[in-house]
N, C-alpha and C. Protein backbone atom coordinates (compact mmCIF):
# COMPACT_ATOMS: atom_id res chain seq x y z
N UNK A 1 -123.54 -58.31 324.28
CA UNK A 1 -124.85 -57.75 323.96
C UNK A 1 -125.17 -56.69 325.01
N UNK A 2 -125.62 -55.52 324.60
CA UNK A 2 -125.92 -54.46 325.57
C UNK A 2 -127.12 -54.82 326.44
N UNK A 3 -127.10 -54.29 327.63
CA UNK A 3 -128.22 -54.50 328.57
C UNK A 3 -129.28 -53.45 328.27
N UNK A 4 -130.32 -53.85 327.57
CA UNK A 4 -131.42 -52.96 327.21
C UNK A 4 -132.72 -53.54 327.73
N UNK A 5 -133.69 -52.67 328.01
CA UNK A 5 -135.01 -53.20 328.36
C UNK A 5 -135.62 -53.84 327.10
N UNK A 6 -136.66 -54.64 327.26
CA UNK A 6 -137.30 -55.33 326.14
C UNK A 6 -137.72 -54.37 325.04
N UNK A 7 -138.24 -53.21 325.42
CA UNK A 7 -138.69 -52.22 324.43
C UNK A 7 -137.55 -51.78 323.52
N UNK A 8 -136.32 -51.83 324.01
CA UNK A 8 -135.17 -51.44 323.22
C UNK A 8 -134.91 -52.38 322.06
N UNK A 9 -135.39 -53.63 322.16
CA UNK A 9 -135.18 -54.60 321.10
C UNK A 9 -136.32 -54.62 320.09
N UNK A 10 -137.41 -53.99 320.40
CA UNK A 10 -138.55 -53.98 319.48
C UNK A 10 -138.31 -52.95 318.38
N UNK A 11 -138.71 -53.29 317.20
CA UNK A 11 -138.54 -52.39 316.06
C UNK A 11 -139.86 -51.71 315.75
N UNK A 12 -139.76 -50.49 315.28
CA UNK A 12 -140.97 -49.80 314.87
C UNK A 12 -141.45 -50.40 313.56
N UNK A 13 -142.74 -50.34 313.26
CA UNK A 13 -143.28 -50.98 312.06
C UNK A 13 -142.67 -50.51 310.75
N UNK A 14 -142.13 -49.30 310.72
CA UNK A 14 -141.59 -48.80 309.46
C UNK A 14 -140.20 -49.34 309.17
N UNK A 15 -139.54 -49.96 310.16
CA UNK A 15 -138.21 -50.49 309.92
C UNK A 15 -138.31 -51.79 309.13
N UNK A 16 -137.26 -52.10 308.43
CA UNK A 16 -137.28 -53.29 307.56
C UNK A 16 -137.34 -54.57 308.37
N UNK A 17 -138.09 -55.51 307.86
CA UNK A 17 -138.27 -56.79 308.55
C UNK A 17 -136.98 -57.60 308.58
N UNK A 18 -136.03 -57.29 307.70
CA UNK A 18 -134.79 -58.05 307.67
C UNK A 18 -133.93 -57.81 308.92
N UNK A 19 -134.29 -56.85 309.76
CA UNK A 19 -133.53 -56.64 310.99
C UNK A 19 -133.88 -57.65 312.07
N UNK A 20 -135.07 -58.22 312.01
CA UNK A 20 -135.45 -59.22 313.02
C UNK A 20 -134.53 -60.44 312.99
N UNK A 21 -134.23 -61.03 311.83
CA UNK A 21 -133.30 -62.16 311.85
C UNK A 21 -131.94 -61.78 312.43
N UNK A 22 -131.48 -60.56 312.15
CA UNK A 22 -130.20 -60.12 312.70
C UNK A 22 -130.25 -60.03 314.22
N UNK A 23 -131.33 -59.45 314.73
CA UNK A 23 -131.46 -59.34 316.18
C UNK A 23 -131.60 -60.71 316.83
N UNK A 24 -132.36 -61.59 316.20
CA UNK A 24 -132.52 -62.93 316.77
C UNK A 24 -131.21 -63.72 316.73
N UNK A 25 -130.41 -63.54 315.69
CA UNK A 25 -129.12 -64.24 315.66
C UNK A 25 -128.17 -63.69 316.72
N UNK A 26 -128.23 -62.38 316.98
CA UNK A 26 -127.44 -61.80 318.07
C UNK A 26 -127.91 -62.33 319.42
N UNK A 27 -129.22 -62.43 319.59
CA UNK A 27 -129.77 -62.98 320.83
C UNK A 27 -129.35 -64.44 320.99
N UNK A 28 -129.34 -65.17 319.89
CA UNK A 28 -128.92 -66.58 319.92
C UNK A 28 -127.46 -66.71 320.33
N UNK A 29 -126.60 -65.81 319.81
CA UNK A 29 -125.18 -65.83 320.19
C UNK A 29 -125.00 -65.59 321.69
N UNK A 30 -125.85 -64.72 322.24
CA UNK A 30 -125.73 -64.36 323.66
C UNK A 30 -126.43 -65.35 324.58
N UNK A 31 -127.21 -66.26 324.03
CA UNK A 31 -127.94 -67.23 324.85
C UNK A 31 -127.05 -68.45 325.09
N UNK A 32 -126.82 -68.81 326.36
CA UNK A 32 -125.97 -69.97 326.66
C UNK A 32 -126.56 -71.26 326.07
N UNK A 33 -125.69 -72.21 325.73
CA UNK A 33 -126.11 -73.48 325.15
C UNK A 33 -127.09 -74.23 326.04
N UNK A 34 -126.94 -74.08 327.34
CA UNK A 34 -127.77 -74.84 328.28
C UNK A 34 -129.05 -74.12 328.69
N UNK A 35 -129.24 -72.91 328.22
CA UNK A 35 -130.42 -72.12 328.62
C UNK A 35 -131.69 -72.75 328.06
N UNK A 36 -132.76 -72.71 328.84
CA UNK A 36 -134.02 -73.34 328.42
C UNK A 36 -134.67 -72.64 327.22
N UNK A 37 -134.34 -71.38 326.97
CA UNK A 37 -134.93 -70.64 325.85
C UNK A 37 -134.11 -70.73 324.56
N UNK A 38 -132.99 -71.43 324.60
CA UNK A 38 -132.13 -71.48 323.42
C UNK A 38 -132.85 -72.10 322.21
N UNK A 39 -133.53 -73.20 322.41
CA UNK A 39 -134.21 -73.88 321.30
C UNK A 39 -135.32 -73.01 320.69
N UNK A 40 -136.20 -72.38 321.50
CA UNK A 40 -137.21 -71.50 320.90
C UNK A 40 -136.59 -70.29 320.17
N UNK A 41 -135.50 -69.76 320.70
CA UNK A 41 -134.84 -68.63 320.04
C UNK A 41 -134.25 -69.09 318.71
N UNK A 42 -133.68 -70.29 318.70
CA UNK A 42 -133.13 -70.84 317.46
C UNK A 42 -134.23 -71.05 316.42
N UNK A 43 -135.37 -71.57 316.86
CA UNK A 43 -136.51 -71.78 315.95
C UNK A 43 -137.03 -70.44 315.43
N UNK A 44 -137.10 -69.44 316.31
CA UNK A 44 -137.57 -68.12 315.89
C UNK A 44 -136.61 -67.49 314.88
N UNK A 45 -135.31 -67.63 315.12
CA UNK A 45 -134.32 -67.08 314.18
C UNK A 45 -134.44 -67.75 312.82
N UNK A 46 -134.61 -69.05 312.82
CA UNK A 46 -134.77 -69.79 311.56
C UNK A 46 -136.05 -69.36 310.83
N UNK A 47 -137.15 -69.25 311.58
CA UNK A 47 -138.42 -68.85 310.98
C UNK A 47 -138.34 -67.44 310.41
N UNK A 48 -137.71 -66.52 311.12
CA UNK A 48 -137.61 -65.14 310.64
C UNK A 48 -136.71 -65.04 309.41
N UNK A 49 -135.65 -65.87 309.35
CA UNK A 49 -134.81 -65.89 308.14
C UNK A 49 -135.64 -66.33 306.95
N UNK A 50 -136.47 -67.34 307.17
CA UNK A 50 -137.33 -67.84 306.10
C UNK A 50 -138.34 -66.78 305.66
N UNK A 51 -138.96 -66.11 306.62
CA UNK A 51 -139.93 -65.05 306.30
C UNK A 51 -139.26 -63.91 305.54
N UNK A 52 -138.07 -63.50 306.01
CA UNK A 52 -137.35 -62.41 305.35
C UNK A 52 -136.98 -62.81 303.92
N UNK A 53 -136.57 -64.07 303.72
CA UNK A 53 -136.22 -64.54 302.38
C UNK A 53 -137.44 -64.53 301.47
N UNK A 54 -138.60 -64.96 301.99
CA UNK A 54 -139.83 -64.96 301.19
C UNK A 54 -140.23 -63.54 300.81
N UNK A 55 -140.14 -62.63 301.77
CA UNK A 55 -140.50 -61.23 301.50
C UNK A 55 -139.56 -60.64 300.46
N UNK A 56 -138.26 -60.90 300.60
CA UNK A 56 -137.30 -60.37 299.63
C UNK A 56 -137.57 -60.93 298.23
N UNK A 57 -137.90 -62.22 298.14
CA UNK A 57 -138.19 -62.83 296.84
C UNK A 57 -139.44 -62.23 296.21
N UNK A 58 -140.50 -62.03 297.01
CA UNK A 58 -141.73 -61.43 296.48
C UNK A 58 -141.48 -59.99 296.04
N UNK A 59 -140.69 -59.26 296.82
CA UNK A 59 -140.37 -57.88 296.48
C UNK A 59 -139.54 -57.83 295.18
N UNK A 60 -138.57 -58.74 295.05
CA UNK A 60 -137.76 -58.80 293.85
C UNK A 60 -138.62 -59.12 292.63
N UNK A 61 -139.54 -60.07 292.79
CA UNK A 61 -140.43 -60.46 291.69
C UNK A 61 -141.33 -59.29 291.29
N UNK A 62 -141.89 -58.60 292.29
CA UNK A 62 -142.77 -57.46 292.00
C UNK A 62 -142.01 -56.35 291.29
N UNK A 63 -140.79 -56.06 291.76
CA UNK A 63 -139.99 -55.03 291.10
C UNK A 63 -139.69 -55.41 289.65
N UNK A 64 -139.43 -56.69 289.42
CA UNK A 64 -139.19 -57.16 288.05
C UNK A 64 -140.41 -56.98 287.17
N UNK A 65 -141.59 -57.34 287.71
CA UNK A 65 -142.83 -57.17 286.95
C UNK A 65 -143.10 -55.70 286.65
N UNK A 66 -142.80 -54.83 287.62
CA UNK A 66 -143.00 -53.40 287.41
C UNK A 66 -142.06 -52.87 286.33
N UNK A 67 -140.80 -53.33 286.35
CA UNK A 67 -139.85 -52.89 285.32
C UNK A 67 -140.31 -53.34 283.94
N UNK A 68 -140.79 -54.58 283.85
CA UNK A 68 -141.26 -55.09 282.56
C UNK A 68 -142.46 -54.28 282.08
N UNK A 69 -143.40 -54.01 282.98
CA UNK A 69 -144.59 -53.24 282.58
C UNK A 69 -144.21 -51.84 282.11
N UNK A 70 -143.28 -51.20 282.80
CA UNK A 70 -142.83 -49.87 282.38
C UNK A 70 -142.09 -49.94 281.05
N UNK A 71 -141.28 -50.96 280.88
CA UNK A 71 -140.53 -51.12 279.64
C UNK A 71 -141.47 -51.38 278.47
N UNK A 72 -142.51 -52.19 278.69
CA UNK A 72 -143.45 -52.51 277.62
C UNK A 72 -144.12 -51.26 277.07
N UNK A 73 -144.30 -50.27 277.92
CA UNK A 73 -144.96 -49.04 277.47
C UNK A 73 -144.11 -48.29 276.44
N UNK A 74 -142.79 -48.55 276.42
CA UNK A 74 -141.89 -47.88 275.48
C UNK A 74 -141.69 -48.65 274.19
N UNK A 75 -142.27 -49.83 274.08
CA UNK A 75 -142.10 -50.64 272.88
C UNK A 75 -143.26 -50.37 271.93
N UNK A 76 -142.92 -49.96 270.72
CA UNK A 76 -143.96 -49.67 269.73
C UNK A 76 -144.60 -50.97 269.26
N UNK A 77 -145.90 -50.99 269.16
CA UNK A 77 -146.61 -52.15 268.64
C UNK A 77 -146.44 -53.39 269.50
N UNK A 78 -146.46 -53.22 270.82
CA UNK A 78 -146.23 -54.34 271.73
C UNK A 78 -147.26 -55.43 271.55
N UNK A 79 -146.80 -56.65 271.32
CA UNK A 79 -147.65 -57.83 271.34
C UNK A 79 -147.09 -58.81 272.35
N UNK A 80 -145.83 -59.08 272.25
CA UNK A 80 -145.08 -59.83 273.25
C UNK A 80 -143.65 -59.94 272.75
N UNK A 81 -142.77 -60.24 273.64
CA UNK A 81 -141.35 -60.22 273.34
C UNK A 81 -140.90 -61.49 272.67
N UNK A 82 -140.07 -61.35 271.65
CA UNK A 82 -139.36 -62.52 271.20
C UNK A 82 -138.38 -62.26 270.08
N UNK A 83 -138.80 -62.11 268.89
CA UNK A 83 -137.87 -61.93 267.78
C UNK A 83 -137.76 -60.45 267.42
N UNK A 84 -136.54 -60.01 267.17
CA UNK A 84 -136.39 -58.64 266.70
C UNK A 84 -135.30 -58.62 265.63
N UNK A 85 -135.37 -57.64 264.79
CA UNK A 85 -134.35 -57.47 263.78
C UNK A 85 -133.42 -56.37 264.27
N UNK A 86 -132.12 -56.66 264.23
CA UNK A 86 -131.15 -55.68 264.71
C UNK A 86 -131.20 -54.40 263.90
N UNK A 87 -131.44 -54.52 262.61
CA UNK A 87 -131.40 -53.35 261.76
C UNK A 87 -132.66 -52.49 261.86
N UNK A 88 -133.66 -52.95 262.58
CA UNK A 88 -134.89 -52.17 262.73
C UNK A 88 -134.89 -51.40 264.05
N UNK A 89 -133.89 -50.56 264.23
CA UNK A 89 -133.83 -49.75 265.44
C UNK A 89 -134.27 -48.34 265.07
N UNK A 90 -135.25 -47.86 265.80
CA UNK A 90 -135.81 -46.56 265.51
C UNK A 90 -135.74 -45.75 266.81
N UNK A 91 -135.04 -44.67 266.78
CA UNK A 91 -134.80 -43.88 267.99
C UNK A 91 -134.27 -44.78 269.09
N UNK A 92 -134.94 -44.84 270.22
CA UNK A 92 -134.51 -45.71 271.31
C UNK A 92 -135.43 -46.91 271.45
N UNK A 93 -136.08 -47.31 270.39
CA UNK A 93 -137.03 -48.41 270.45
C UNK A 93 -136.53 -49.59 269.61
N UNK A 94 -136.83 -50.79 270.07
CA UNK A 94 -136.63 -52.00 269.26
C UNK A 94 -138.00 -52.39 268.74
N UNK A 95 -138.08 -52.80 267.50
CA UNK A 95 -139.34 -53.24 266.93
C UNK A 95 -139.34 -54.77 266.89
N UNK A 96 -140.21 -55.36 267.66
CA UNK A 96 -140.30 -56.82 267.71
C UNK A 96 -141.29 -57.26 266.65
N UNK A 97 -140.98 -58.37 265.99
CA UNK A 97 -141.80 -58.75 264.86
C UNK A 97 -142.52 -60.08 264.99
N UNK A 98 -142.19 -60.91 265.97
CA UNK A 98 -142.85 -62.21 266.05
C UNK A 98 -142.69 -62.77 267.46
N UNK A 99 -143.39 -63.85 267.69
CA UNK A 99 -143.36 -64.51 269.00
C UNK A 99 -143.18 -66.00 268.80
N UNK A 100 -142.39 -66.60 269.67
CA UNK A 100 -142.24 -68.05 269.67
C UNK A 100 -142.73 -68.54 271.02
N UNK A 101 -143.76 -69.35 271.00
CA UNK A 101 -144.25 -69.94 272.24
C UNK A 101 -143.51 -71.25 272.45
N UNK A 102 -142.67 -71.32 273.48
CA UNK A 102 -141.92 -72.53 273.73
C UNK A 102 -142.81 -73.66 274.21
N UNK A 103 -144.02 -73.34 274.65
CA UNK A 103 -144.97 -74.39 275.04
C UNK A 103 -145.48 -75.16 273.83
N UNK A 104 -145.52 -74.49 272.67
CA UNK A 104 -146.05 -75.11 271.45
C UNK A 104 -144.95 -75.61 270.53
N UNK A 105 -143.69 -75.39 270.90
CA UNK A 105 -142.57 -75.78 270.04
C UNK A 105 -141.89 -77.03 270.61
N UNK A 106 -141.31 -77.80 269.70
CA UNK A 106 -140.53 -78.97 270.08
C UNK A 106 -139.07 -78.66 269.85
N UNK A 107 -138.25 -78.88 270.86
CA UNK A 107 -136.82 -78.61 270.76
C UNK A 107 -136.11 -79.82 270.16
N UNK A 108 -135.17 -79.57 269.24
CA UNK A 108 -134.41 -80.65 268.63
C UNK A 108 -132.95 -80.23 268.56
N UNK A 109 -132.09 -81.00 269.21
CA UNK A 109 -130.64 -80.74 269.19
C UNK A 109 -130.09 -81.31 267.89
N UNK A 110 -129.44 -80.49 267.08
CA UNK A 110 -128.94 -80.92 265.77
C UNK A 110 -127.47 -81.33 265.86
N UNK A 111 -127.13 -82.42 265.19
CA UNK A 111 -125.73 -82.82 265.07
C UNK A 111 -125.08 -81.95 264.01
N UNK A 112 -123.76 -81.75 264.15
CA UNK A 112 -123.02 -81.00 263.14
C UNK A 112 -123.02 -81.80 261.83
N UNK A 113 -123.14 -81.11 260.72
CA UNK A 113 -123.15 -81.77 259.42
C UNK A 113 -124.35 -81.31 258.60
N UNK A 114 -124.65 -82.07 257.55
CA UNK A 114 -125.73 -81.70 256.64
C UNK A 114 -127.08 -82.08 257.25
N UNK A 115 -128.01 -81.11 257.24
CA UNK A 115 -129.36 -81.34 257.77
C UNK A 115 -130.18 -82.06 256.71
N UNK A 116 -130.84 -83.15 257.11
CA UNK A 116 -131.60 -83.96 256.15
C UNK A 116 -132.84 -83.24 255.63
N UNK A 117 -133.47 -82.41 256.44
CA UNK A 117 -134.72 -81.77 255.99
C UNK A 117 -134.48 -80.52 255.15
N UNK A 118 -133.39 -79.79 255.41
CA UNK A 118 -133.16 -78.54 254.66
C UNK A 118 -131.99 -78.62 253.70
N UNK A 119 -131.09 -79.58 253.91
CA UNK A 119 -129.90 -79.68 253.07
C UNK A 119 -128.81 -78.71 253.45
N UNK A 120 -128.99 -77.97 254.55
CA UNK A 120 -128.00 -76.99 254.99
C UNK A 120 -126.92 -77.67 255.83
N UNK A 121 -125.70 -77.14 255.75
CA UNK A 121 -124.63 -77.60 256.63
C UNK A 121 -124.78 -76.88 257.96
N UNK A 122 -124.94 -77.62 259.03
CA UNK A 122 -125.17 -77.04 260.35
C UNK A 122 -123.97 -77.28 261.26
N UNK A 123 -123.66 -76.29 262.06
CA UNK A 123 -122.62 -76.43 263.08
C UNK A 123 -123.08 -75.65 264.31
N UNK A 124 -123.03 -76.30 265.46
CA UNK A 124 -123.47 -75.70 266.73
C UNK A 124 -124.91 -75.20 266.61
N UNK A 125 -125.78 -76.02 266.09
CA UNK A 125 -127.16 -75.61 265.82
C UNK A 125 -128.17 -76.44 266.58
N UNK A 126 -129.36 -75.89 266.69
CA UNK A 126 -130.52 -76.58 267.25
C UNK A 126 -131.76 -76.04 266.58
N UNK A 127 -132.87 -76.80 266.66
CA UNK A 127 -134.10 -76.41 265.97
C UNK A 127 -135.25 -76.28 266.95
N UNK A 128 -136.20 -75.45 266.55
CA UNK A 128 -137.51 -75.42 267.19
C UNK A 128 -138.51 -75.80 266.10
N UNK A 129 -139.28 -76.85 266.36
CA UNK A 129 -140.27 -77.32 265.41
C UNK A 129 -141.65 -76.94 265.91
N UNK A 130 -142.41 -76.26 265.04
CA UNK A 130 -143.78 -75.88 265.35
C UNK A 130 -144.66 -76.34 264.20
N UNK A 131 -145.94 -76.28 264.38
CA UNK A 131 -146.86 -76.69 263.31
C UNK A 131 -146.62 -75.78 262.10
N UNK A 132 -146.20 -76.38 261.00
CA UNK A 132 -146.00 -75.63 259.76
C UNK A 132 -144.77 -74.74 259.75
N UNK A 133 -143.89 -74.87 260.74
CA UNK A 133 -142.74 -73.98 260.82
C UNK A 133 -141.56 -74.71 261.46
N UNK A 134 -140.39 -74.48 260.91
CA UNK A 134 -139.17 -75.05 261.47
C UNK A 134 -138.14 -73.94 261.53
N UNK A 135 -137.58 -73.70 262.70
CA UNK A 135 -136.60 -72.62 262.86
C UNK A 135 -135.28 -73.22 263.30
N UNK A 136 -134.20 -72.84 262.62
CA UNK A 136 -132.87 -73.31 262.97
C UNK A 136 -132.11 -72.16 263.63
N UNK A 137 -131.50 -72.44 264.76
CA UNK A 137 -130.70 -71.46 265.49
C UNK A 137 -129.26 -71.96 265.51
N UNK A 138 -128.32 -71.08 265.19
CA UNK A 138 -126.91 -71.45 265.19
C UNK A 138 -126.17 -70.57 266.19
N UNK A 139 -125.33 -71.21 266.98
CA UNK A 139 -124.56 -70.49 268.01
C UNK A 139 -123.13 -70.28 267.53
N UNK A 140 -122.47 -69.33 268.16
CA UNK A 140 -121.11 -68.97 267.81
C UNK A 140 -120.14 -70.13 268.08
N UNK A 141 -120.35 -70.84 269.19
CA UNK A 141 -119.46 -71.95 269.54
C UNK A 141 -120.22 -73.03 270.29
N UNK A 142 -119.54 -74.14 270.58
CA UNK A 142 -120.16 -75.28 271.24
C UNK A 142 -120.61 -74.94 272.67
N UNK A 143 -119.87 -74.08 273.35
CA UNK A 143 -120.23 -73.70 274.73
C UNK A 143 -121.56 -72.95 274.74
N UNK A 144 -121.73 -72.01 273.81
CA UNK A 144 -122.99 -71.26 273.73
C UNK A 144 -124.14 -72.20 273.38
N UNK A 145 -123.90 -73.13 272.46
CA UNK A 145 -124.94 -74.09 272.09
C UNK A 145 -125.33 -74.93 273.30
N UNK A 146 -124.33 -75.41 274.04
CA UNK A 146 -124.60 -76.25 275.21
C UNK A 146 -125.43 -75.49 276.24
N UNK A 147 -125.15 -74.21 276.40
CA UNK A 147 -125.93 -73.38 277.33
C UNK A 147 -127.39 -73.31 276.90
N UNK A 148 -127.63 -73.09 275.61
CA UNK A 148 -129.00 -73.06 275.09
C UNK A 148 -129.69 -74.41 275.26
N UNK A 149 -128.97 -75.49 274.93
CA UNK A 149 -129.54 -76.84 275.02
C UNK A 149 -129.95 -77.14 276.46
N UNK A 150 -129.07 -76.84 277.41
CA UNK A 150 -129.39 -77.09 278.82
C UNK A 150 -130.62 -76.28 279.25
N UNK A 151 -130.66 -75.03 278.81
CA UNK A 151 -131.78 -74.18 279.20
C UNK A 151 -133.10 -74.66 278.59
N UNK A 152 -133.08 -75.03 277.33
CA UNK A 152 -134.31 -75.45 276.65
C UNK A 152 -134.79 -76.83 277.08
N UNK A 153 -133.90 -77.65 277.58
CA UNK A 153 -134.30 -78.97 278.07
C UNK A 153 -134.83 -78.91 279.49
N UNK A 154 -134.50 -77.85 280.19
CA UNK A 154 -134.97 -77.69 281.57
C UNK A 154 -136.48 -77.46 281.55
N UNK A 155 -137.22 -78.07 282.49
CA UNK A 155 -138.67 -77.84 282.52
C UNK A 155 -138.98 -76.37 282.79
N UNK A 156 -139.98 -75.88 282.09
CA UNK A 156 -140.37 -74.48 282.20
C UNK A 156 -141.19 -74.28 283.47
N UNK A 157 -140.69 -73.47 284.39
CA UNK A 157 -141.36 -73.24 285.66
C UNK A 157 -141.94 -71.83 285.66
N UNK A 158 -143.14 -71.70 285.16
CA UNK A 158 -143.78 -70.39 285.04
C UNK A 158 -144.89 -70.26 286.06
N UNK A 159 -144.83 -69.20 286.81
CA UNK A 159 -145.94 -68.92 287.72
C UNK A 159 -146.47 -67.54 287.36
N UNK A 160 -147.69 -67.47 286.86
CA UNK A 160 -148.23 -66.18 286.43
C UNK A 160 -148.36 -65.21 287.60
N UNK A 161 -148.41 -63.94 287.27
CA UNK A 161 -148.55 -62.92 288.30
C UNK A 161 -149.87 -63.10 289.04
N UNK A 162 -149.81 -62.93 290.35
CA UNK A 162 -151.02 -63.04 291.16
C UNK A 162 -151.86 -61.77 290.98
N UNK A 163 -153.15 -61.82 291.31
CA UNK A 163 -153.97 -60.61 291.21
C UNK A 163 -153.39 -59.44 292.01
N UNK A 164 -152.83 -59.73 293.18
CA UNK A 164 -152.23 -58.66 294.00
C UNK A 164 -151.02 -58.07 293.29
N UNK A 165 -150.17 -58.90 292.68
CA UNK A 165 -149.01 -58.40 291.95
C UNK A 165 -149.46 -57.57 290.75
N UNK A 166 -150.49 -58.01 290.06
CA UNK A 166 -151.01 -57.24 288.92
C UNK A 166 -151.51 -55.87 289.37
N UNK A 167 -152.21 -55.84 290.50
CA UNK A 167 -152.73 -54.57 291.02
C UNK A 167 -151.58 -53.63 291.35
N UNK A 168 -150.56 -54.14 292.03
CA UNK A 168 -149.42 -53.30 292.41
C UNK A 168 -148.66 -52.80 291.19
N UNK A 169 -148.51 -53.64 290.18
CA UNK A 169 -147.83 -53.21 288.95
C UNK A 169 -148.63 -52.11 288.27
N UNK A 170 -149.97 -52.31 288.17
CA UNK A 170 -150.81 -51.28 287.55
C UNK A 170 -150.70 -49.95 288.30
N UNK A 171 -150.72 -50.01 289.63
CA UNK A 171 -150.61 -48.78 290.42
C UNK A 171 -149.28 -48.08 290.14
N UNK A 172 -148.20 -48.85 290.11
CA UNK A 172 -146.88 -48.26 289.88
C UNK A 172 -146.80 -47.63 288.50
N UNK A 173 -147.28 -48.34 287.50
CA UNK A 173 -147.22 -47.82 286.13
C UNK A 173 -148.08 -46.57 286.00
N UNK A 174 -149.27 -46.60 286.57
CA UNK A 174 -150.15 -45.43 286.49
C UNK A 174 -149.53 -44.24 287.22
N UNK A 175 -148.94 -44.49 288.38
CA UNK A 175 -148.29 -43.43 289.14
C UNK A 175 -147.11 -42.86 288.37
N UNK A 176 -146.33 -43.73 287.73
CA UNK A 176 -145.12 -43.30 287.05
C UNK A 176 -145.41 -42.61 285.73
N UNK A 177 -146.37 -43.15 284.98
CA UNK A 177 -146.57 -42.65 283.62
C UNK A 177 -147.77 -41.75 283.43
N UNK A 178 -148.69 -41.77 284.37
CA UNK A 178 -149.93 -40.99 284.24
C UNK A 178 -150.70 -41.38 282.99
N UNK A 179 -150.54 -42.67 282.56
CA UNK A 179 -151.22 -43.20 281.38
C UNK A 179 -152.07 -44.37 281.82
N UNK A 180 -153.22 -44.53 281.21
CA UNK A 180 -154.09 -45.66 281.57
C UNK A 180 -153.41 -46.96 281.16
N UNK A 181 -153.42 -47.94 282.07
CA UNK A 181 -152.81 -49.25 281.82
C UNK A 181 -153.84 -50.19 281.24
N UNK A 182 -153.43 -51.08 280.33
CA UNK A 182 -154.34 -52.11 279.87
C UNK A 182 -154.68 -53.05 281.02
N UNK A 183 -155.86 -53.62 280.99
CA UNK A 183 -156.32 -54.47 282.08
C UNK A 183 -155.59 -55.80 282.11
N UNK A 184 -155.16 -56.33 280.97
CA UNK A 184 -154.56 -57.66 280.93
C UNK A 184 -153.04 -57.60 280.98
N UNK A 185 -152.48 -57.41 282.18
CA UNK A 185 -151.02 -57.39 282.33
C UNK A 185 -150.44 -58.76 282.20
């Protein structure tokens, strides 16, 4: 480790925060095992790694929300994403025609064979049951079906955008498109 004064190790505010964990890990490597400051340096390195990971996750989430908001502006008749018809492609737009709320639907894994309610022969299929509606989905093979089944059985972990994230997304979209954004992102 180079011999620098303390000021040499300080970062200016505009530099990325992810450099602090790197510097602390280098300092930890250079700190002898028996040194009295080794434990606090180790704790600081661990804390900064955690902070950097949280910041990166929030930044990744915000960038994702901004991409979705920008993409939504290009979808004609936007209501929400879900079902689309492949043959309804117009210019560079997909036309979405319906929405399935997985919170209101019941998932049912179907066995291969004749379906008792519809009389259809099913293979690699599963159903979503909603009030007054039953939708059957068929997969190309058993592996694809298993992937869907695992995903749909997993608890839905949704955390809505925070007011700060909504504000930042609106600012980005307004800056990028020069178009007024709807209030309910």
